[in-house]
Amino acid sequence: MRIRGKVASGLGEGKYYISREGYSKQFSEKLGFTPSPGTLNLKLDEPFTLDDSESIEIEGFSEEGRSFGGCRCLPAEIGGMKGAIVRPERTGYPATLIEIIAPVNLREALGLSDGDVVVVAIG
């Protein structure tokens, strides 16, 4: 399956969350790579739903007196680079937005700017 989206700036929170040991350790164990801090945000024309039966669960955890929620991941490839779509398990998350993690900073590695159209191969 392939989906198309436009690169968009996020709130900058991805770097903070991806860097938490509780997440990065699970990403490494379950996805086979340690993600570069941050996510690549893509705005989609059509809503995207993550099928729980095909996705990988990243469990929530507590760290420094704070709770961090779980998320689901789906292995993906963008520009020939291995990565994963990450979807937080929280209400109100927009169905027309996906966040992608990878072992490298995708925006830099692929020379992407806001508004660029990219294709993500899922699976």
N, C-alpha and C. Protein backbone atom coordinates (compact mmCIF):
# COMPACT_ATOMS: atom_id res chain seq x y z
N MET A 1 0.84 -1.18 0.00
CA MET A 1 0.00 0.00 0.00
C MET A 1 0.89 1.24 0.00
N ARG A 2 0.48 2.24 -0.74
CA ARG A 2 1.21 3.51 -0.80
C ARG A 2 0.25 4.65 -0.47
N ILE A 3 0.77 5.61 0.28
CA ILE A 3 -0.01 6.81 0.57
C ILE A 3 0.84 8.03 0.25
N ARG A 4 0.17 9.11 -0.16
CA ARG A 4 0.85 10.35 -0.50
C ARG A 4 0.48 11.41 0.52
N GLY A 5 1.45 12.23 0.84
CA GLY A 5 1.18 13.32 1.76
C GLY A 5 2.13 14.47 1.52
N LYS A 6 1.79 15.62 2.10
CA LYS A 6 2.62 16.82 1.99
C LYS A 6 3.36 17.03 3.30
N VAL A 7 4.65 17.30 3.18
CA VAL A 7 5.47 17.57 4.36
C VAL A 7 4.95 18.83 5.05
N ALA A 8 4.84 18.75 6.37
CA ALA A 8 4.34 19.87 7.16
C ALA A 8 5.14 19.99 8.45
N SER A 9 5.34 21.20 8.89
CA SER A 9 6.01 21.42 10.18
C SER A 9 5.06 21.01 11.30
N GLY A 10 5.64 20.45 12.32
CA GLY A 10 4.86 20.08 13.50
C GLY A 10 5.08 21.09 14.61
N LEU A 11 4.74 20.68 15.81
CA LEU A 11 4.89 21.54 16.96
C LEU A 11 6.27 21.41 17.60
N GLY A 12 7.08 20.49 17.09
CA GLY A 12 8.41 20.27 17.65
C GLY A 12 8.41 19.33 18.84
N GLU A 13 7.28 18.72 19.13
CA GLU A 13 7.18 17.83 20.28
C GLU A 13 7.72 16.43 20.00
N GLY A 14 7.77 16.05 18.73
CA GLY A 14 8.22 14.71 18.37
C GLY A 14 9.61 14.41 18.89
N LYS A 15 10.50 15.39 18.82
CA LYS A 15 11.88 15.20 19.28
C LYS A 15 11.90 14.84 20.76
N TYR A 16 11.09 15.53 21.55
CA TYR A 16 11.02 15.27 23.00
C TYR A 16 10.54 13.84 23.27
N TYR A 17 9.44 13.48 22.63
CA TYR A 17 8.85 12.16 22.89
C TYR A 17 9.71 11.02 22.37
N ILE A 18 10.20 11.14 21.15
CA ILE A 18 11.02 10.07 20.57
C ILE A 18 12.28 9.84 21.40
N SER A 19 12.79 10.89 22.04
CA SER A 19 14.01 10.80 22.84
C SER A 19 13.81 10.15 24.21
N ARG A 20 12.58 9.97 24.64
CA ARG A 20 12.33 9.33 25.94
C ARG A 20 12.79 7.89 25.86
N GLU A 21 13.51 7.46 26.86
CA GLU A 21 14.07 6.10 26.87
C GLU A 21 12.97 5.03 26.78
N GLY A 22 11.84 5.28 27.43
CA GLY A 22 10.75 4.32 27.40
C GLY A 22 10.24 4.05 25.99
N TYR A 23 10.28 5.06 25.13
CA TYR A 23 9.89 4.88 23.73
C TYR A 23 11.06 4.36 22.90
N SER A 24 12.22 5.02 23.00
CA SER A 24 13.33 4.67 22.11
C SER A 24 13.77 3.21 22.28
N LYS A 25 13.73 2.71 23.51
CA LYS A 25 14.10 1.31 23.75
C LYS A 25 13.11 0.37 23.05
N GLN A 26 11.82 0.66 23.16
CA GLN A 26 10.81 -0.19 22.51
C GLN A 26 10.90 -0.09 20.98
N PHE A 27 11.13 1.12 20.46
CA PHE A 27 11.29 1.26 19.02
C PHE A 27 12.44 0.39 18.53
N SER A 28 13.56 0.45 19.24
CA SER A 28 14.73 -0.32 18.86
C SER A 28 14.44 -1.83 18.87
N GLU A 29 13.80 -2.29 19.95
CA GLU A 29 13.51 -3.72 20.09
C GLU A 29 12.45 -4.20 19.10
N LYS A 30 11.40 -3.41 18.91
CA LYS A 30 10.26 -3.87 18.13
C LYS A 30 10.31 -3.50 16.64
N LEU A 31 11.04 -2.42 16.31
CA LEU A 31 11.11 -1.99 14.91
C LEU A 31 12.47 -2.28 14.27
N GLY A 32 13.46 -2.56 15.13
CA GLY A 32 14.77 -2.89 14.60
C GLY A 32 15.67 -1.70 14.32
N PHE A 33 15.29 -0.51 14.79
CA PHE A 33 16.17 0.65 14.65
C PHE A 33 15.90 1.65 15.77
N THR A 34 16.92 2.43 16.07
CA THR A 34 16.78 3.53 17.03
C THR A 34 16.47 4.78 16.22
N PRO A 35 15.31 5.40 16.46
CA PRO A 35 14.94 6.54 15.63
C PRO A 35 15.74 7.80 15.93
N SER A 36 15.97 8.55 14.90
CA SER A 36 16.53 9.89 15.03
C SER A 36 15.50 10.72 15.78
N PRO A 37 15.94 11.62 16.66
CA PRO A 37 14.96 12.44 17.39
C PRO A 37 14.07 13.23 16.44
N GLY A 38 12.78 13.19 16.68
CA GLY A 38 11.82 13.93 15.88
C GLY A 38 11.04 13.03 14.94
N THR A 39 10.05 13.62 14.32
CA THR A 39 9.21 12.91 13.35
C THR A 39 9.07 13.75 12.10
N LEU A 40 8.79 13.09 11.00
CA LEU A 40 8.43 13.79 9.76
C LEU A 40 6.92 13.78 9.69
N ASN A 41 6.32 14.94 9.65
CA ASN A 41 4.86 15.06 9.61
C ASN A 41 4.38 15.18 8.17
N LEU A 42 3.37 14.40 7.85
CA LEU A 42 2.76 14.45 6.53
C LEU A 42 1.27 14.69 6.66
N LYS A 43 0.77 15.69 5.94
CA LYS A 43 -0.67 15.94 5.87
C LYS A 43 -1.20 15.20 4.66
N LEU A 44 -2.29 14.47 4.89
CA LEU A 44 -2.88 13.63 3.85
C LEU A 44 -4.18 14.25 3.35
N ASP A 45 -4.54 13.93 2.11
CA ASP A 45 -5.83 14.38 1.57
C ASP A 45 -6.97 13.53 2.11
N GLU A 46 -6.66 12.26 2.38
CA GLU A 46 -7.67 11.31 2.86
C GLU A 46 -7.30 10.84 4.26
N PRO A 47 -8.28 10.55 5.10
CA PRO A 47 -7.97 10.02 6.44
C PRO A 47 -7.24 8.68 6.35
N PHE A 48 -6.35 8.45 7.28
CA PHE A 48 -5.60 7.20 7.35
C PHE A 48 -5.87 6.56 8.71
N THR A 49 -6.28 5.29 8.67
CA THR A 49 -6.49 4.57 9.92
C THR A 49 -5.47 3.45 10.01
N LEU A 50 -5.00 3.25 11.20
CA LEU A 50 -4.00 2.22 11.46
C LEU A 50 -4.73 0.97 11.91
N ASP A 51 -4.58 -0.10 11.17
CA ASP A 51 -5.20 -1.37 11.50
C ASP A 51 -4.43 -2.01 12.66
N ASP A 52 -5.09 -2.16 13.80
CA ASP A 52 -4.43 -2.71 14.99
C ASP A 52 -3.85 -4.10 14.75
N SER A 53 -4.48 -4.89 13.87
CA SER A 53 -3.99 -6.25 13.65
C SER A 53 -2.66 -6.28 12.91
N GLU A 54 -2.34 -5.22 12.18
CA GLU A 54 -1.10 -5.17 11.42
C GLU A 54 -0.04 -4.28 12.07
N SER A 55 -0.43 -3.53 13.09
CA SER A 55 0.50 -2.57 13.68
C SER A 55 1.22 -3.16 14.89
N ILE A 56 2.26 -2.49 15.29
CA ILE A 56 3.10 -2.90 16.42
C ILE A 56 2.79 -1.98 17.59
N GLU A 57 2.53 -2.57 18.74
CA GLU A 57 2.19 -1.78 19.92
C GLU A 57 3.44 -1.32 20.66
N ILE A 58 3.47 -0.04 20.96
CA ILE A 58 4.49 0.54 21.83
C ILE A 58 3.74 0.93 23.10
N GLU A 59 4.14 0.32 24.21
CA GLU A 59 3.39 0.50 25.46
C GLU A 59 3.73 1.82 26.13
N GLY A 60 2.72 2.35 26.84
CA GLY A 60 2.93 3.54 27.64
C GLY A 60 3.82 3.22 28.83
N PHE A 61 4.31 4.24 29.49
CA PHE A 61 5.24 4.06 30.62
C PHE A 61 5.23 5.32 31.47
N SER A 62 5.87 5.24 32.63
CA SER A 62 6.05 6.40 33.50
C SER A 62 7.53 6.70 33.61
N GLU A 63 7.85 7.98 33.62
CA GLU A 63 9.23 8.41 33.71
C GLU A 63 9.26 9.78 34.38
N GLU A 64 10.13 9.93 35.35
CA GLU A 64 10.29 11.19 36.07
C GLU A 64 8.95 11.72 36.59
N GLY A 65 8.13 10.82 37.12
CA GLY A 65 6.85 11.21 37.69
C GLY A 65 5.78 11.59 36.69
N ARG A 66 6.00 11.30 35.43
CA ARG A 66 5.04 11.64 34.38
C ARG A 66 4.65 10.39 33.61
N SER A 67 3.40 10.34 33.17
CA SER A 67 2.92 9.21 32.37
C SER A 67 3.00 9.55 30.89
N PHE A 68 3.45 8.58 30.11
CA PHE A 68 3.53 8.72 28.66
C PHE A 68 2.66 7.64 28.05
N GLY A 69 1.76 8.02 27.15
CA GLY A 69 0.82 7.08 26.56
C GLY A 69 1.45 6.19 25.51
N GLY A 70 0.75 5.14 25.18
CA GLY A 70 1.20 4.21 24.17
C GLY A 70 0.96 4.73 22.77
N CYS A 71 1.47 4.00 21.81
CA CYS A 71 1.24 4.32 20.41
C CYS A 71 1.31 3.04 19.59
N ARG A 72 0.92 3.13 18.35
CA ARG A 72 0.99 2.01 17.43
C ARG A 72 1.87 2.42 16.27
N CYS A 73 2.63 1.46 15.76
CA CYS A 73 3.56 1.72 14.65
C CYS A 73 3.29 0.77 13.50
N LEU A 74 3.62 1.22 12.34
CA LEU A 74 3.49 0.41 11.14
C LEU A 74 4.75 0.61 10.30
N PRO A 75 5.53 -0.47 10.08
CA PRO A 75 6.74 -0.31 9.27
C PRO A 75 6.42 0.32 7.91
N ALA A 76 7.31 1.19 7.47
CA ALA A 76 7.11 1.92 6.22
C ALA A 76 8.45 2.26 5.61
N GLU A 77 8.40 2.70 4.37
CA GLU A 77 9.60 3.14 3.66
C GLU A 77 9.30 4.44 2.96
N ILE A 78 10.23 5.37 3.05
CA ILE A 78 10.08 6.66 2.39
C ILE A 78 11.41 7.01 1.74
N GLY A 79 11.38 7.29 0.45
CA GLY A 79 12.61 7.62 -0.26
C GLY A 79 13.66 6.54 -0.18
N GLY A 80 13.23 5.28 -0.13
CA GLY A 80 14.16 4.17 -0.03
C GLY A 80 14.73 3.94 1.36
N MET A 81 14.23 4.69 2.34
CA MET A 81 14.72 4.57 3.71
C MET A 81 13.70 3.90 4.61
N LYS A 82 14.20 3.00 5.44
CA LYS A 82 13.36 2.28 6.39
C LYS A 82 12.88 3.24 7.48
N GLY A 83 11.62 3.08 7.88
CA GLY A 83 11.06 3.88 8.95
C GLY A 83 9.78 3.25 9.45
N ALA A 84 8.97 4.04 10.13
CA ALA A 84 7.68 3.55 10.62
C ALA A 84 6.73 4.73 10.84
N ILE A 85 5.48 4.48 10.53
CA ILE A 85 4.44 5.44 10.88
C ILE A 85 4.14 5.25 12.36
N VAL A 86 4.03 6.35 13.08
CA VAL A 86 3.73 6.31 14.51
C VAL A 86 2.40 7.02 14.73
N ARG A 87 1.49 6.36 15.40
CA ARG A 87 0.18 6.96 15.69
C ARG A 87 -0.06 6.88 17.20
N PRO A 88 -0.02 8.03 17.88
CA PRO A 88 -0.30 8.04 19.32
C PRO A 88 -1.71 7.51 19.60
N GLU A 89 -1.85 6.80 20.70
CA GLU A 89 -3.16 6.29 21.10
C GLU A 89 -3.81 7.32 22.01
N ARG A 90 -4.27 8.39 21.40
CA ARG A 90 -4.97 9.41 22.16
C ARG A 90 -6.14 9.92 21.33
N THR A 91 -7.15 10.35 22.02
CA THR A 91 -8.33 10.83 21.31
C THR A 91 -8.02 12.18 20.68
N GLY A 92 -8.69 12.44 19.60
CA GLY A 92 -8.54 13.73 18.93
C GLY A 92 -7.34 13.83 18.01
N TYR A 93 -6.60 12.74 17.80
CA TYR A 93 -5.47 12.80 16.89
C TYR A 93 -6.01 12.85 15.46
N PRO A 94 -5.60 13.82 14.65
CA PRO A 94 -6.17 13.96 13.31
C PRO A 94 -5.89 12.76 12.40
N ALA A 95 -6.93 12.27 11.74
CA ALA A 95 -6.80 11.11 10.86
C ALA A 95 -6.10 11.48 9.55
N THR A 96 -5.95 12.77 9.27
CA THR A 96 -5.29 13.21 8.04
C THR A 96 -3.83 13.63 8.30
N LEU A 97 -3.28 13.19 9.41
CA LEU A 97 -1.88 13.47 9.74
C LEU A 97 -1.19 12.17 10.10
N ILE A 98 0.00 11.96 9.53
CA ILE A 98 0.83 10.84 9.97
C ILE A 98 2.19 11.39 10.35
N GLU A 99 2.82 10.70 11.30
CA GLU A 99 4.17 11.04 11.72
C GLU A 99 5.04 9.83 11.43
N ILE A 100 6.21 10.08 10.88
CA ILE A 100 7.12 9.01 10.51
C ILE A 100 8.43 9.16 11.27
N ILE A 101 8.89 8.03 11.82
CA ILE A 101 10.19 7.99 12.46
C ILE A 101 11.12 7.15 11.59
N ALA A 102 12.42 7.40 11.72
CA ALA A 102 13.42 6.66 10.94
C ALA A 102 14.76 6.77 11.66
N PRO A 103 15.73 5.94 11.28
CA PRO A 103 17.04 6.03 11.92
C PRO A 103 17.81 7.30 11.57
N VAL A 104 17.33 8.04 10.57
CA VAL A 104 17.96 9.30 10.16
C VAL A 104 16.90 10.39 10.17
N ASN A 105 17.33 11.64 10.17
CA ASN A 105 16.41 12.75 10.04
C ASN A 105 15.96 12.79 8.58
N LEU A 106 14.73 12.39 8.33
CA LEU A 106 14.23 12.25 6.96
C LEU A 106 14.19 13.58 6.21
N ARG A 107 13.82 14.63 6.90
CA ARG A 107 13.74 15.95 6.27
C ARG A 107 15.11 16.33 5.69
N GLU A 108 16.16 16.11 6.49
CA GLU A 108 17.52 16.44 6.03
C GLU A 108 18.02 15.43 5.00
N ALA A 109 17.86 14.14 5.28
CA ALA A 109 18.41 13.10 4.39
C ALA A 109 17.79 13.15 2.99
N LEU A 110 16.51 13.51 2.92
CA LEU A 110 15.82 13.54 1.62
C LEU A 110 15.68 14.95 1.06
N GLY A 111 16.22 15.94 1.76
CA GLY A 111 16.14 17.33 1.30
C GLY A 111 14.72 17.84 1.19
N LEU A 112 13.89 17.52 2.19
CA LEU A 112 12.47 17.87 2.13
C LEU A 112 12.18 19.22 2.77
N SER A 113 11.19 19.90 2.22
CA SER A 113 10.71 21.17 2.76
C SER A 113 9.20 21.09 2.90
N ASP A 114 8.63 21.97 3.71
CA ASP A 114 7.18 22.02 3.85
C ASP A 114 6.53 22.15 2.48
N GLY A 115 5.48 21.37 2.27
CA GLY A 115 4.74 21.41 1.01
C GLY A 115 5.19 20.36 -0.01
N ASP A 116 6.40 19.79 0.17
CA ASP A 116 6.84 18.73 -0.74
C ASP A 116 5.92 17.52 -0.62
N VAL A 117 5.61 16.91 -1.75
CA VAL A 117 4.78 15.72 -1.77
C VAL A 117 5.69 14.49 -1.75
N VAL A 118 5.39 13.57 -0.84
CA VAL A 118 6.17 12.33 -0.75
C VAL A 118 5.22 11.13 -0.75
N VAL A 119 5.77 9.99 -1.14
CA VAL A 119 5.02 8.74 -1.15
C VAL A 119 5.61 7.82 -0.09
N VAL A 120 4.75 7.25 0.72
CA VAL A 120 5.17 6.32 1.77
C VAL A 120 4.66 4.93 1.41
N ALA A 121 5.58 3.97 1.36
CA ALA A 121 5.22 2.57 1.12
C ALA A 121 5.06 1.91 2.47
N ILE A 122 3.90 1.32 2.71
CA ILE A 122 3.60 0.70 3.99
C ILE A 122 3.81 -0.80 3.90
N GLY A 123 4.41 -1.34 4.96
CA GLY A 123 4.61 -2.78 5.04
C GLY A 123 6.00 -3.22 4.65
